[in-house]
């Protein structure tokens, strides 16, 4: 299971440990190795928020968090993510883009650019190959702010199944 939690511009990655039967998480891009855990998702969520509030009290949300969703053609998955989360979280700015320039231009949708990558605080890609393309073309500059959601290209635009998967993979507080 891969799930991301976002609070006060910090990202936590959650993992289930079979041995301990505990949900454990670590803050991403933090050198100190700050972690959080819980026996239930509610406990984990509370610990995640408390750990951030206790360790990063000056991390204010004065400026809107900027999230970029990326898939291949920006027609189904990333576009759905942008539009769904924009409605659910108006306090956060969302955009989406596609990695396949030919398809994006053919369909008149947003293609992934260096400018968009620089704009985003965090980039959530649907598949591993999207992150590989970003790392290759960005020469590794964006690897610390790019996260893989692991959502295959099986869903139609704004389908119920896609929205359910998106909600399971990423949560904003």
Foldseek 3Di string as FASTA:
>chain_A
DWAWEDELLWIKTWDQDPVVCKIKIFIFPDPVGDIAIGNDVVRRVVRVVVSCCVVPVPSDCPDAAEEEEEEAQCAAQRVQVQVVVCVVCVSHHYYYAHDHVVNNVVVVHHHDDPVSLVVHSAYEYADPVVLVVCCVVVVNPRNRRYHYQPHDPPGGHNDPVSVVSSCRHYYYD
